[in-house]
Amino acid sequence: LGKMTERLFTAATGSGPAGWSTSEPVTQPWSP
């Protein structure tokens, strides 16, 4: 999972996500 997310982030922002988490603030580095 997360590969489609990378494509969308990259298209709209110039880079894939920096991180993910179950809540804010985000604590985990991005790793599909």
Full PDB file with SEQRES, HELIX, SHEET, SSBOND, CRYST1, ORIGX, SCALE, CONECT and MASTER records, all heavy atoms in Angstrom:
SEQRES   1 A   32  LEU GLY LYS MET THR GLU ARG LEU PHE THR ALA ALA THR          
SEQRES   2 A   32  GLY SER GLY PRO ALA GLY TRP SER THR SER GLU PRO VAL          
SEQRES   3 A   32  THR GLN PRO TRP SER PRO                                      
HELIX    1 AA1 LYS A    3  THR A   13  1                                  11    
SHEET    1 AA1 2 GLY A  19  TRP A  20  0                                        
SHEET    2 AA1 2 GLN A  28  PRO A  29 -1                                        
CRYST1    1.000    1.000    1.000  90.00  90.00  90.00 P 1           1          
ORIGX1      1.000000  0.000000  0.000000        0.00000                         
ORIGX2      0.000000  1.000000  0.000000        0.00000                         
ORIGX3      0.000000  0.000000  1.000000        0.00000                         
SCALE1      1.000000  0.000000  0.000000        0.00000                         
SCALE2      0.000000  1.000000  0.000000        0.00000                         
SCALE3      0.000000  0.000000  1.000000        0.00000                         
ATOM      1  N   LEU A   1       0.826  -1.199   0.000  1.00  0.00           N  
ATOM      2  CA  LEU A   1       0.000   0.000   0.000  1.00  0.00           C  
ATOM      3  C   LEU A   1       0.866   1.257   0.000  1.00  0.00           C  
ATOM      4  O   LEU A   1       2.037   1.209   0.368  1.00  0.00           O  
ATOM      5  CB  LEU A   1      -0.910  -0.003   1.226  1.00  0.00           C  
ATOM      6  CG  LEU A   1      -1.901  -1.161   1.304  1.00  0.00           C  
ATOM      7  CD1 LEU A   1      -2.473  -1.278   2.715  1.00  0.00           C  
ATOM      8  CD2 LEU A   1      -3.024  -0.980   0.288  1.00  0.00           C  
ATOM      9  N   GLY A   2       0.271   2.373  -0.392  1.00  0.00           N  
ATOM     10  CA  GLY A   2       0.963   3.647  -0.323  1.00  0.00           C  
ATOM     11  C   GLY A   2       1.632   4.090  -1.606  1.00  0.00           C  
ATOM     12  O   GLY A   2       2.047   5.251  -1.710  1.00  0.00           O  
ATOM     13  N   LYS A   3       1.752   3.217  -2.599  1.00  0.00           N  
ATOM     14  CA  LYS A   3       2.414   3.606  -3.841  1.00  0.00           C  
ATOM     15  C   LYS A   3       1.579   4.612  -4.624  1.00  0.00           C  
ATOM     16  O   LYS A   3       2.118   5.561  -5.225  1.00  0.00           O  
ATOM     17  CB  LYS A   3       2.700   2.366  -4.694  1.00  0.00           C  
ATOM     18  CG  LYS A   3       3.707   1.392  -4.070  1.00  0.00           C  
ATOM     19  CD  LYS A   3       5.076   2.033  -3.961  1.00  0.00           C  
ATOM     20  CE  LYS A   3       6.117   1.016  -3.497  1.00  0.00           C  
ATOM     21  NZ  LYS A   3       7.483   1.608  -3.411  1.00  0.00           N  
ATOM     22  N   MET A   4       0.261   4.406  -4.637  1.00  0.00           N  
ATOM     23  CA  MET A   4      -0.600   5.396  -5.282  1.00  0.00           C  
ATOM     24  C   MET A   4      -0.505   6.733  -4.558  1.00  0.00           C  
ATOM     25  O   MET A   4      -0.484   7.806  -5.179  1.00  0.00           O  
ATOM     26  CB  MET A   4      -2.048   4.904  -5.298  1.00  0.00           C  
ATOM     27  CG  MET A   4      -3.022   5.845  -5.994  1.00  0.00           C  
ATOM     28  SD  MET A   4      -3.719   7.169  -4.962  1.00  0.00           S  
ATOM     29  CE  MET A   4      -4.884   6.242  -3.972  1.00  0.00           C  
ATOM     30  N   THR A   5      -0.428   6.675  -3.239  1.00  0.00           N  
ATOM     31  CA  THR A   5      -0.285   7.893  -2.444  1.00  0.00           C  
ATOM     32  C   THR A   5       0.978   8.652  -2.832  1.00  0.00           C  
ATOM     33  O   THR A   5       0.976   9.872  -2.952  1.00  0.00           O  
ATOM     34  CB  THR A   5      -0.254   7.528  -0.949  1.00  0.00           C  
ATOM     35  OG1 THR A   5      -1.462   6.849  -0.606  1.00  0.00           O  
ATOM     36  CG2 THR A   5      -0.101   8.762  -0.087  1.00  0.00           C  
ATOM     37  N   GLU A   6       2.062   7.921  -3.020  1.00  0.00           N  
ATOM     38  CA  GLU A   6       3.317   8.553  -3.440  1.00  0.00           C  
ATOM     39  C   GLU A   6       3.148   9.274  -4.773  1.00  0.00           C  
ATOM     40  O   GLU A   6       3.644  10.396  -4.945  1.00  0.00           O  
ATOM     41  CB  GLU A   6       4.417   7.496  -3.555  1.00  0.00           C  
ATOM     42  CG  GLU A   6       4.943   6.982  -2.221  1.00  0.00           C  
ATOM     43  CD  GLU A   6       6.092   6.010  -2.406  1.00  0.00           C  
ATOM     44  OE1 GLU A   6       6.286   5.510  -3.547  1.00  0.00           O  
ATOM     45  OE2 GLU A   6       6.802   5.748  -1.423  1.00  0.00           O  
ATOM     46  N   ARG A   7       2.473   8.643  -5.726  1.00  0.00           N  
ATOM     47  CA  ARG A   7       2.273   9.257  -7.033  1.00  0.00           C  
ATOM     48  C   ARG A   7       1.485  10.569  -6.912  1.00  0.00           C  
ATOM     49  O   ARG A   7       1.828  11.580  -7.540  1.00  0.00           O  
ATOM     50  CB  ARG A   7       1.534   8.298  -7.969  1.00  0.00           C  
ATOM     51  CG  ARG A   7       2.375   7.155  -8.502  1.00  0.00           C  
ATOM     52  CD  ARG A   7       1.562   6.278  -9.447  1.00  0.00           C  
ATOM     53  NE  ARG A   7       2.348   5.157  -9.948  1.00  0.00           N  
ATOM     54  CZ  ARG A   7       3.102   5.190 -11.036  1.00  0.00           C  
ATOM     55  NH1 ARG A   7       3.166   6.306 -11.742  1.00  0.00           N  
ATOM     56  NH2 ARG A   7       3.782   4.128 -11.415  1.00  0.00           N  
ATOM     57  N   LEU A   8       0.429  10.545  -6.116  1.00  0.00           N  
ATOM     58  CA  LEU A   8      -0.405  11.734  -5.978  1.00  0.00           C  
ATOM     59  C   LEU A   8       0.354  12.861  -5.297  1.00  0.00           C  
ATOM     60  O   LEU A   8       0.339  14.009  -5.752  1.00  0.00           O  
ATOM     61  CB  LEU A   8      -1.675  11.393  -5.201  1.00  0.00           C  
ATOM     62  CG  LEU A   8      -2.675  12.542  -5.026  1.00  0.00           C  
ATOM     63  CD1 LEU A   8      -3.152  13.056  -6.374  1.00  0.00           C  
ATOM     64  CD2 LEU A   8      -3.854  12.097  -4.167  1.00  0.00           C  
ATOM     65  N   PHE A   9       1.040  12.550  -4.192  1.00  0.00           N  
ATOM     66  CA  PHE A   9       1.834  13.563  -3.500  1.00  0.00           C  
ATOM     67  C   PHE A   9       2.905  14.135  -4.422  1.00  0.00           C  
ATOM     68  O   PHE A   9       3.122  15.354  -4.463  1.00  0.00           O  
ATOM     69  CB  PHE A   9       2.493  12.951  -2.261  1.00  0.00           C  
ATOM     70  CG  PHE A   9       1.744  13.166  -0.976  1.00  0.00           C  
ATOM     71  CD1 PHE A   9       0.620  12.420  -0.674  1.00  0.00           C  
ATOM     72  CD2 PHE A   9       2.157  14.124  -0.059  1.00  0.00           C  
ATOM     73  CE1 PHE A   9      -0.068  12.593   0.505  1.00  0.00           C  
ATOM     74  CE2 PHE A   9       1.479  14.318   1.128  1.00  0.00           C  
ATOM     75  CZ  PHE A   9       0.357  13.558   1.414  1.00  0.00           C  
ATOM     76  N   THR A  10       3.596  13.272  -5.162  1.00  0.00           N  
ATOM     77  CA  THR A  10       4.678  13.729  -6.026  1.00  0.00           C  
ATOM     78  C   THR A  10       4.159  14.647  -7.121  1.00  0.00           C  
ATOM     79  O   THR A  10       4.766  15.686  -7.430  1.00  0.00           O  
ATOM     80  CB  THR A  10       5.413  12.530  -6.641  1.00  0.00           C  
ATOM     81  OG1 THR A  10       5.966  11.717  -5.584  1.00  0.00           O  
ATOM     82  CG2 THR A  10       6.541  12.983  -7.545  1.00  0.00           C  
ATOM     83  N   ALA A  11       3.025  14.285  -7.718  1.00  0.00           N  
ATOM     84  CA  ALA A  11       2.448  15.112  -8.774  1.00  0.00           C  
ATOM     85  C   ALA A  11       2.039  16.482  -8.250  1.00  0.00           C  
ATOM     86  O   ALA A  11       2.281  17.508  -8.890  1.00  0.00           O  
ATOM     87  CB  ALA A  11       1.246  14.399  -9.391  1.00  0.00           C  
ATOM     88  N   ALA A  12       1.434  16.515  -7.069  1.00  0.00           N  
ATOM     89  CA  ALA A  12       0.853  17.753  -6.554  1.00  0.00           C  
ATOM     90  C   ALA A  12       1.838  18.611  -5.766  1.00  0.00           C  
ATOM     91  O   ALA A  12       1.641  19.824  -5.656  1.00  0.00           O  
ATOM     92  CB  ALA A  12      -0.356  17.432  -5.676  1.00  0.00           C  
ATOM     93  N   THR A  13       2.902  17.988  -5.202  1.00  0.00           N  
ATOM     94  CA  THR A  13       3.814  18.748  -4.339  1.00  0.00           C  
ATOM     95  C   THR A  13       5.262  18.694  -4.791  1.00  0.00           C  
ATOM     96  O   THR A  13       6.090  19.467  -4.284  1.00  0.00           O  
ATOM     97  CB  THR A  13       3.749  18.233  -2.893  1.00  0.00           C  
ATOM     98  OG1 THR A  13       4.414  16.952  -2.792  1.00  0.00           O  
ATOM     99  CG2 THR A  13       2.316  18.082  -2.408  1.00  0.00           C  
ATOM    100  N   GLY A  14       5.613  17.777  -5.671  1.00  0.00           N  
ATOM    101  CA  GLY A  14       7.000  17.637  -6.098  1.00  0.00           C  
ATOM    102  C   GLY A  14       7.764  16.570  -5.356  1.00  0.00           C  
ATOM    103  O   GLY A  14       8.928  16.303  -5.677  1.00  0.00           O  
ATOM    104  N   SER A  15       7.129  15.923  -4.377  1.00  0.00           N  
ATOM    105  CA  SER A  15       7.801  14.873  -3.608  1.00  0.00           C  
ATOM    106  C   SER A  15       6.761  13.973  -2.961  1.00  0.00           C  
ATOM    107  O   SER A  15       5.614  14.380  -2.745  1.00  0.00           O  
ATOM    108  CB  SER A  15       8.697  15.480  -2.526  1.00  0.00           C  
ATOM    109  OG  SER A  15       9.285  14.466  -1.727  1.00  0.00           O  
ATOM    110  N   GLY A  16       7.179  12.754  -2.646  1.00  0.00           N  
ATOM    111  CA  GLY A  16       6.309  11.852  -1.913  1.00  0.00           C  
ATOM    112  C   GLY A  16       6.119  12.316  -0.475  1.00  0.00           C  
ATOM    113  O   GLY A  16       6.734  13.296  -0.032  1.00  0.00           O  
ATOM    114  N   PRO A  17       5.275  11.644   0.296  1.00  0.00           N  
ATOM    115  CA  PRO A  17       5.047  12.038   1.691  1.00  0.00           C  
ATOM    116  C   PRO A  17       6.319  11.950   2.515  1.00  0.00           C  
ATOM    117  O   PRO A  17       7.235  11.182   2.208  1.00  0.00           O  
ATOM    118  CB  PRO A  17       4.004  11.025   2.183  1.00  0.00           C  
ATOM    119  CG  PRO A  17       3.394  10.446   0.950  1.00  0.00           C  
ATOM    120  CD  PRO A  17       4.464  10.470  -0.088  1.00  0.00           C  
ATOM    121  N   ALA A  18       6.360  12.746   3.577  1.00  0.00           N  
ATOM    122  CA  ALA A  18       7.489  12.679   4.508  1.00  0.00           C  
ATOM    123  C   ALA A  18       7.252  11.647   5.594  1.00  0.00           C  
ATOM    124  O   ALA A  18       8.200  11.055   6.112  1.00  0.00           O  
ATOM    125  CB  ALA A  18       7.731  14.049   5.139  1.00  0.00           C  
ATOM    126  N   GLY A  19       5.972  11.437   5.966  1.00  0.00           N  
ATOM    127  CA  GLY A  19       5.715  10.515   7.061  1.00  0.00           C  
ATOM    128  C   GLY A  19       4.252  10.134   7.153  1.00  0.00           C  
ATOM    129  O   GLY A  19       3.397  10.639   6.428  1.00  0.00           O  
ATOM    130  N   TRP A  20       3.995   9.201   8.086  1.00  0.00           N  
ATOM    131  CA  TRP A  20       2.629   8.737   8.342  1.00  0.00           C  
ATOM    132  C   TRP A  20       2.498   8.458   9.831  1.00  0.00           C  
ATOM    133  O   TRP A  20       3.480   8.271  10.553  1.00  0.00           O  
ATOM    134  CB  TRP A  20       2.316   7.471   7.539  1.00  0.00           C  
ATOM    135  CG  TRP A  20       3.121   6.261   7.958  1.00  0.00           C  
ATOM    136  CD1 TRP A  20       4.403   5.969   7.609  1.00  0.00           C  
ATOM    137  CD2 TRP A  20       2.690   5.208   8.828  1.00  0.00           C  
ATOM    138  NE1 TRP A  20       4.820   4.793   8.194  1.00  0.00           N  
ATOM    139  CE2 TRP A  20       3.772   4.298   8.948  1.00  0.00           C  
ATOM    140  CE3 TRP A  20       1.505   4.933   9.509  1.00  0.00           C  
ATOM    141  CZ2 TRP A  20       3.700   3.146   9.725  1.00  0.00           C  
ATOM    142  CZ3 TRP A  20       1.428   3.776  10.287  1.00  0.00           C  
ATOM    143  CH2 TRP A  20       2.524   2.897  10.377  1.00  0.00           C  
ATOM    144  N   SER A  21       1.269   8.433  10.296  1.00  0.00           N  
ATOM    145  CA  SER A  21       1.030   8.174  11.706  1.00  0.00           C  
ATOM    146  C   SER A  21      -0.453   7.905  11.912  1.00  0.00           C  
ATOM    147  O   SER A  21      -1.275   8.158  11.031  1.00  0.00           O  
ATOM    148  CB  SER A  21       1.474   9.382  12.555  1.00  0.00           C  
ATOM    149  OG  SER A  21       1.399   9.084  13.937  1.00  0.00           O  
ATOM    150  N   THR A  22      -0.790   7.391  13.088  1.00  0.00           N  
ATOM    151  CA  THR A  22      -2.193   7.160  13.425  1.00  0.00           C  
ATOM    152  C   THR A  22      -2.857   8.420  13.963  1.00  0.00           C  
ATOM    153  O   THR A  22      -4.064   8.440  14.167  1.00  0.00           O  
ATOM    154  CB  THR A  22      -2.320   6.040  14.465  1.00  0.00           C  
ATOM    155  OG1 THR A  22      -1.568   6.394  15.638  1.00  0.00           O  
ATOM    156  CG2 THR A  22      -1.777   4.726  13.911  1.00  0.00           C  
ATOM    157  N   SER A  23      -2.072   9.458  14.224  1.00  0.00           N  
ATOM    158  CA  SER A  23      -2.605  10.719  14.752  1.00  0.00           C  
ATOM    159  C   SER A  23      -1.612  11.830  14.441  1.00  0.00           C  
ATOM    160  O   SER A  23      -0.534  11.595  13.910  1.00  0.00           O  
ATOM    161  CB  SER A  23      -2.832  10.608  16.272  1.00  0.00           C  
ATOM    162  OG  SER A  23      -1.613  10.336  16.945  1.00  0.00           O  
ATOM    163  N   GLU A  24      -1.993  13.050  14.784  1.00  0.00           N  
ATOM    164  CA  GLU A  24      -1.089  14.198  14.647  1.00  0.00           C  
ATOM    165  C   GLU A  24      -0.492  14.543  16.007  1.00  0.00           C  
ATOM    166  O   GLU A  24      -1.183  14.436  17.028  1.00  0.00           O  
ATOM    167  CB  GLU A  24      -1.847  15.401  14.094  1.00  0.00           C  
ATOM    168  CG  GLU A  24      -2.307  15.232  12.653  1.00  0.00           C  
ATOM    169  CD  GLU A  24      -2.998  16.470  12.127  1.00  0.00           C  
ATOM    170  OE1 GLU A  24      -4.164  16.710  12.533  1.00  0.00           O  
ATOM    171  OE2 GLU A  24      -2.397  17.197  11.316  1.00  0.00           O  
ATOM    172  N   PRO A  25       0.770  14.951  16.024  1.00  0.00           N  
ATOM    173  CA  PRO A  25       1.678  15.120  14.884  1.00  0.00           C  
ATOM    174  C   PRO A  25       2.172  13.787  14.328  1.00  0.00           C  
ATOM    175  O   PRO A  25       2.210  12.774  15.035  1.00  0.00           O  
ATOM    176  CB  PRO A  25       2.834  15.921  15.497  1.00  0.00           C  
ATOM    177  CG  PRO A  25       2.853  15.518  16.935  1.00  0.00           C  
ATOM    178  CD  PRO A  25       1.412  15.336  17.315  1.00  0.00           C  
ATOM    179  N   VAL A  26       2.561  13.809  13.061  1.00  0.00           N  
ATOM    180  CA  VAL A  26       3.050  12.604  12.387  1.00  0.00           C  
ATOM    181  C   VAL A  26       4.410  12.220  12.956  1.00  0.00           C  
ATOM    182  O   VAL A  26       5.283  13.070  13.138  1.00  0.00           O  
ATOM    183  CB  VAL A  26       3.137  12.853  10.873  1.00  0.00           C  
ATOM    184  CG1 VAL A  26       3.875  11.714  10.170  1.00  0.00           C  
ATOM    185  CG2 VAL A  26       1.740  13.032  10.297  1.00  0.00           C  
ATOM    186  N   THR A  27       4.564  10.933  13.253  1.00  0.00           N  
ATOM    187  CA  THR A  27       5.775  10.474  13.948  1.00  0.00           C  
ATOM    188  C   THR A  27       6.616   9.473  13.166  1.00  0.00           C  
ATOM    189  O   THR A  27       7.799   9.300  13.466  1.00  0.00           O  
ATOM    190  CB  THR A  27       5.391   9.824  15.289  1.00  0.00           C  
ATOM    191  OG1 THR A  27       4.483   8.730  15.043  1.00  0.00           O  
ATOM    192  CG2 THR A  27       4.724  10.836  16.220  1.00  0.00           C  
ATOM    193  N   GLN A  28       6.044   8.784  12.170  1.00  0.00           N  
ATOM    194  CA  GLN A  28       6.763   7.718  11.473  1.00  0.00           C  
ATOM    195  C   GLN A  28       7.280   8.188  10.118  1.00  0.00           C  
ATOM    196  O   GLN A  28       6.544   8.823   9.358  1.00  0.00           O  
ATOM    197  CB  GLN A  28       5.841   6.504  11.267  1.00  0.00           C  
ATOM    198  CG  GLN A  28       5.241   5.957  12.538  1.00  0.00           C  
ATOM    199  CD  GLN A  28       6.297   5.501  13.514  1.00  0.00           C  
ATOM    200  OE1 GLN A  28       7.221   4.763  13.150  1.00  0.00           O  
ATOM    201  NE2 GLN A  28       6.166   5.935  14.760  1.00  0.00           N  
ATOM    202  N   PRO A  29       8.542   7.916   9.794  1.00  0.00           N  
ATOM    203  CA  PRO A  29       9.040   8.265   8.453  1.00  0.00           C  
ATOM    204  C   PRO A  29       8.292   7.472   7.395  1.00  0.00           C  
ATOM    205  O   PRO A  29       7.827   6.347   7.639  1.00  0.00           O  
ATOM    206  CB  PRO A  29      10.515   7.872   8.510  1.00  0.00           C  
ATOM    207  CG  PRO A  29      10.602   6.840   9.587  1.00  0.00           C  
ATOM    208  CD  PRO A  29       9.571   7.206  10.600  1.00  0.00           C  
ATOM    209  N   TRP A  30       8.165   8.044   6.217  1.00  0.00           N  
ATOM    210  CA  TRP A  30       7.397   7.403   5.164  1.00  0.00           C  
ATOM    211  C   TRP A  30       8.003   6.073   4.763  1.00  0.00           C  
ATOM    212  O   TRP A  30       9.187   5.975   4.447  1.00  0.00           O  
ATOM    213  CB  TRP A  30       7.298   8.301   3.942  1.00  0.00           C  
ATOM    214  CG  TRP A  30       6.523   7.671   2.830  1.00  0.00           C  
ATOM    215  CD1 TRP A  30       7.016   7.236   1.638  1.00  0.00           C  
ATOM    216  CD2 TRP A  30       5.126   7.393   2.818  1.00  0.00           C  
ATOM    217  NE1 TRP A  30       6.008   6.700   0.867  1.00  0.00           N  
ATOM    218  CE2 TRP A  30       4.830   6.785   1.575  1.00  0.00           C  
ATOM    219  CE3 TRP A  30       4.095   7.595   3.738  1.00  0.00           C  
ATOM    220  CZ2 TRP A  30       3.541   6.371   1.224  1.00  0.00           C  
ATOM    221  CZ3 TRP A  30       2.809   7.202   3.388  1.00  0.00           C  
ATOM    222  CH2 TRP A  30       2.546   6.595   2.156  1.00  0.00           C  
ATOM    223  N   SER A  31       7.187   5.038   4.780  1.00  0.00           N  
ATOM    224  CA  SER A  31       7.611   3.702   4.390  1.00  0.00           C  
ATOM    225  C   SER A  31       6.382   2.908   3.972  1.00  0.00           C  
ATOM    226  O   SER A  31       5.594   2.493   4.831  1.00  0.00           O  
ATOM    227  CB  SER A  31       8.326   2.978   5.539  1.00  0.00           C  
ATOM    228  OG  SER A  31       8.500   1.602   5.236  1.00  0.00           O  
ATOM    229  N   PRO A  32       6.164   2.693   2.673  1.00  0.00           N  
ATOM    230  CA  PRO A  32       5.021   1.885   2.249  1.00  0.00           C  
ATOM    231  C   PRO A  32       5.027   0.481   2.860  1.00  0.00           C  
ATOM    232  O   PRO A  32       3.963  -0.071   3.176  1.00  0.00           O  
ATOM    233  CB  PRO A  32       5.193   1.826   0.720  1.00  0.00           C  
ATOM    234  CG  PRO A  32       5.924   3.083   0.386  1.00  0.00           C  
ATOM    235  CD  PRO A  32       6.888   3.276   1.526  1.00  0.00           C  
TER     236      PRO A  32                                                      
MASTER        0    0    0    1    2    0    0    6  235    1    0    3          
END                                                                             
